[in-house]
Amino acid sequence: LIRNKPAKCSREVREDHTMEPLTVYTTGPSCFKCTTTKKMLDGKGIPYLEVDVTQDTAAREYITEELGYSTAPVVVVNDQDHWCDVRPDHIERIAKHMNANA
């Protein structure tokens, strides 16, 4: 990923989103933090779609230029709710939200 911007690893979140699959932008299977995040999501039963930004230029531009992140993974719930890096607090928040709406 582009390293010229400081990582902004969280955005203000809103609890009014529906539980569609999250999108997890990764840098491939060798990314330890990406793998850890996916395992945590799997463990909580949170559905997600994985996009490898090393293979998808448009996705890489989206997370770096539009969202402003420079650290993988980037997890996008919706336009207002996204973060980067391993964030157990956010994963737990999403899991609680899912369970409350189940």
C-alpha atoms as a PDB file:
ATOM      1  CA  LEU A   1       0.000   0.000   0.000  1.00  0.00           C
ATOM      2  CA  ILE A   2       1.020   3.608  -0.369  1.00  0.00           C
ATOM      3  CA  ARG A   3       3.043   4.679   2.662  1.00  0.00           C
ATOM      4  CA  ASN A   4       3.152   8.451   2.134  1.00  0.00           C
ATOM      5  CA  LYS A   5       0.082   9.188   4.263  1.00  0.00           C
ATOM      6  CA  PRO A   6      -0.264   8.527   7.986  1.00  0.00           C
ATOM      7  CA  ALA A   7      -2.689   5.727   8.737  1.00  0.00           C
ATOM      8  CA  LYS A   8      -6.100   6.891   9.852  1.00  0.00           C
ATOM      9  CA  CYS A   9      -7.272   3.704  11.453  1.00  0.00           C
ATOM     10  CA  SER A  10     -10.839   4.494  12.393  1.00  0.00           C
ATOM     11  CA  ARG A  11     -13.796   6.593  11.411  1.00  0.00           C
ATOM     12  CA  GLU A  12     -16.774   7.705  13.462  1.00  0.00           C
ATOM     13  CA  VAL A  13     -19.213   4.827  13.414  1.00  0.00           C
ATOM     14  CA  ARG A  14     -22.957   4.640  13.233  1.00  0.00           C
ATOM     15  CA  GLU A  15     -25.060   1.778  14.534  1.00  0.00           C
ATOM     16  CA  ASP A  16     -27.837   2.069  11.936  1.00  0.00           C
ATOM     17  CA  HIS A  17     -26.278  -0.157   9.271  1.00  0.00           C
ATOM     18  CA  THR A  18     -27.844  -3.365   8.033  1.00  0.00           C
ATOM     19  CA  MET A  19     -25.808  -6.544   8.293  1.00  0.00           C
ATOM     20  CA  GLU A  20     -24.715  -7.156   4.756  1.00  0.00           C
ATOM     21  CA  PRO A  21     -21.304  -8.746   4.298  1.00  0.00           C
ATOM     22  CA  LEU A  22     -18.403  -6.525   5.261  1.00  0.00           C
ATOM     23  CA  THR A  23     -15.619  -5.961   2.754  1.00  0.00           C
ATOM     24  CA  VAL A  24     -12.126  -6.793   3.966  1.00  0.00           C
ATOM     25  CA  TYR A  25      -9.401  -5.270   1.802  1.00  0.00           C
ATOM     26  CA  THR A  26      -6.206  -7.284   2.255  1.00  0.00           C
ATOM     27  CA  THR A  27      -2.713  -7.502   0.821  1.00  0.00           C
ATOM     28  CA  GLY A  28      -2.915 -11.257   0.344  1.00  0.00           C
ATOM     29  CA  PRO A  29      -2.341 -14.415   2.377  1.00  0.00           C
ATOM     30  CA  SER A  30       1.087 -13.343   3.638  1.00  0.00           C
ATOM     31  CA  CYS A  31      -0.467 -10.411   5.551  1.00  0.00           C
ATOM     32  CA  PHE A  32      -0.571 -11.555   9.185  1.00  0.00           C
ATOM     33  CA  LYS A  33      -2.919  -8.768  10.298  1.00  0.00           C
ATOM     34  CA  CYS A  34      -5.252  -9.520   7.393  1.00  0.00           C
ATOM     35  CA  THR A  35      -5.343 -13.219   8.266  1.00  0.00           C
ATOM     36  CA  THR A  36      -5.891 -12.425  11.951  1.00  0.00           C
ATOM     37  CA  THR A  37      -8.781 -10.090  11.153  1.00  0.00           C
ATOM     38  CA  LYS A  38     -10.436 -12.680   8.905  1.00  0.00           C
ATOM     39  CA  LYS A  39     -10.067 -15.370  11.591  1.00  0.00           C
ATOM     40  CA  MET A  40     -11.658 -13.054  14.146  1.00  0.00           C
ATOM     41  CA  LEU A  41     -14.559 -12.296  11.803  1.00  0.00           C
ATOM     42  CA  ASP A  42     -14.980 -16.023  11.073  1.00  0.00           C
ATOM     43  CA  GLY A  43     -14.935 -16.771  14.804  1.00  0.00           C
ATOM     44  CA  LYS A  44     -17.780 -14.316  15.375  1.00  0.00           C
ATOM     45  CA  GLY A  45     -19.744 -15.564  12.357  1.00  0.00           C
ATOM     46  CA  ILE A  46     -19.539 -12.176  10.636  1.00  0.00           C
ATOM     47  CA  PRO A  47     -19.912 -12.476   6.846  1.00  0.00           C
ATOM     48  CA  TYR A  48     -17.371 -10.690   4.662  1.00  0.00           C
ATOM     49  CA  LEU A  49     -16.050 -10.454   1.147  1.00  0.00           C
ATOM     50  CA  GLU A  50     -12.268 -10.355   0.714  1.00  0.00           C
ATOM     51  CA  VAL A  51     -10.614  -8.106  -1.869  1.00  0.00           C
ATOM     52  CA  ASP A  52      -6.864  -8.454  -2.421  1.00  0.00           C
ATOM     53  CA  VAL A  53      -5.635  -4.946  -3.223  1.00  0.00           C
ATOM     54  CA  THR A  54      -2.402  -6.306  -4.690  1.00  0.00           C
ATOM     55  CA  GLN A  55      -4.563  -7.751  -7.480  1.00  0.00           C
ATOM     56  CA  ASP A  56      -7.159  -4.972  -7.761  1.00  0.00           C
ATOM     57  CA  THR A  57      -5.862  -1.489  -8.578  1.00  0.00           C
ATOM     58  CA  ALA A  58      -9.282   0.161  -8.259  1.00  0.00           C
ATOM     59  CA  ALA A  59      -9.752  -1.319  -4.772  1.00  0.00           C
ATOM     60  CA  ARG A  60      -6.276  -0.142  -3.726  1.00  0.00           C
ATOM     61  CA  GLU A  61      -7.059   3.372  -4.967  1.00  0.00           C
ATOM     62  CA  TYR A  62     -10.396   3.324  -3.121  1.00  0.00           C
ATOM     63  CA  ILE A  63      -8.883   2.486   0.280  1.00  0.00           C
ATOM     64  CA  THR A  64      -5.846   4.757  -0.090  1.00  0.00           C
ATOM     65  CA  GLU A  65      -7.224   7.751  -1.964  1.00  0.00           C
ATOM     66  CA  GLU A  66     -10.910   7.839  -1.053  1.00  0.00           C
ATOM     67  CA  LEU A  67     -10.775   6.409   2.465  1.00  0.00           C
ATOM     68  CA  GLY A  68      -7.250   7.629   3.281  1.00  0.00           C
ATOM     69  CA  TYR A  69      -5.832   4.401   4.712  1.00  0.00           C
ATOM     70  CA  SER A  70      -2.269   3.175   4.279  1.00  0.00           C
ATOM     71  CA  THR A  71      -2.356   0.079   6.503  1.00  0.00           C
ATOM     72  CA  ALA A  72      -3.979  -3.283   5.765  1.00  0.00           C
ATOM     73  CA  PRO A  73      -6.405  -4.757   6.401  1.00  0.00           C
ATOM     74  CA  VAL A  74      -9.137  -2.224   5.780  1.00  0.00           C
ATOM     75  CA  VAL A  75     -12.602  -3.326   6.861  1.00  0.00           C
ATOM     76  CA  VAL A  76     -15.593  -1.512   5.369  1.00  0.00           C
ATOM     77  CA  VAL A  77     -19.048  -1.969   6.848  1.00  0.00           C
ATOM     78  CA  ASN A  78     -20.580   0.959   4.957  1.00  0.00           C
ATOM     79  CA  ASP A  79     -19.697   4.505   3.871  1.00  0.00           C
ATOM     80  CA  GLN A  80     -19.635   5.785   7.459  1.00  0.00           C
ATOM     81  CA  ASP A  81     -18.243   2.736   9.243  1.00  0.00           C
ATOM     82  CA  HIS A  82     -14.750   1.488   8.367  1.00  0.00           C
ATOM     83  CA  TRP A  83     -11.350   0.962   9.948  1.00  0.00           C
ATOM     84  CA  CYS A  84      -7.868  -0.392   9.303  1.00  0.00           C
ATOM     85  CA  ASP A  85      -5.563  -2.776  11.151  1.00  0.00           C
ATOM     86  CA  VAL A  86      -6.595  -5.511  13.594  1.00  0.00           C
ATOM     87  CA  ARG A  87      -9.431  -4.054  15.669  1.00  0.00           C
ATOM     88  CA  PRO A  88     -11.031  -6.580  18.047  1.00  0.00           C
ATOM     89  CA  ASP A  89     -13.105  -3.750  19.550  1.00  0.00           C
ATOM     90  CA  HIS A  90     -14.789  -3.011  16.224  1.00  0.00           C
ATOM     91  CA  ILE A  91     -15.265  -6.699  15.430  1.00  0.00           C
ATOM     92  CA  GLU A  92     -16.913  -7.222  18.823  1.00  0.00           C
ATOM     93  CA  ARG A  93     -19.147  -4.178  18.227  1.00  0.00           C
ATOM     94  CA  ILE A  94     -20.275  -5.593  14.868  1.00  0.00           C
ATOM     95  CA  ALA A  95     -20.887  -9.043  16.419  1.00  0.00           C
ATOM     96  CA  LYS A  96     -23.031  -7.503  19.185  1.00  0.00           C
ATOM     97  CA  HIS A  97     -24.969  -5.516  16.617  1.00  0.00           C
ATOM     98  CA  MET A  98     -25.578  -8.683  14.585  1.00  0.00           C
ATOM     99  CA  ASN A  99     -26.765 -10.602  17.638  1.00  0.00           C
ATOM    100  CA  ALA A 100     -29.074  -7.771  18.702  1.00  0.00           C
ATOM    101  CA  ASN A 101     -30.713  -7.828  15.264  1.00  0.00           C
ATOM    102  CA  ALA A 102     -30.903 -11.620  14.949  1.00  0.00           C
END
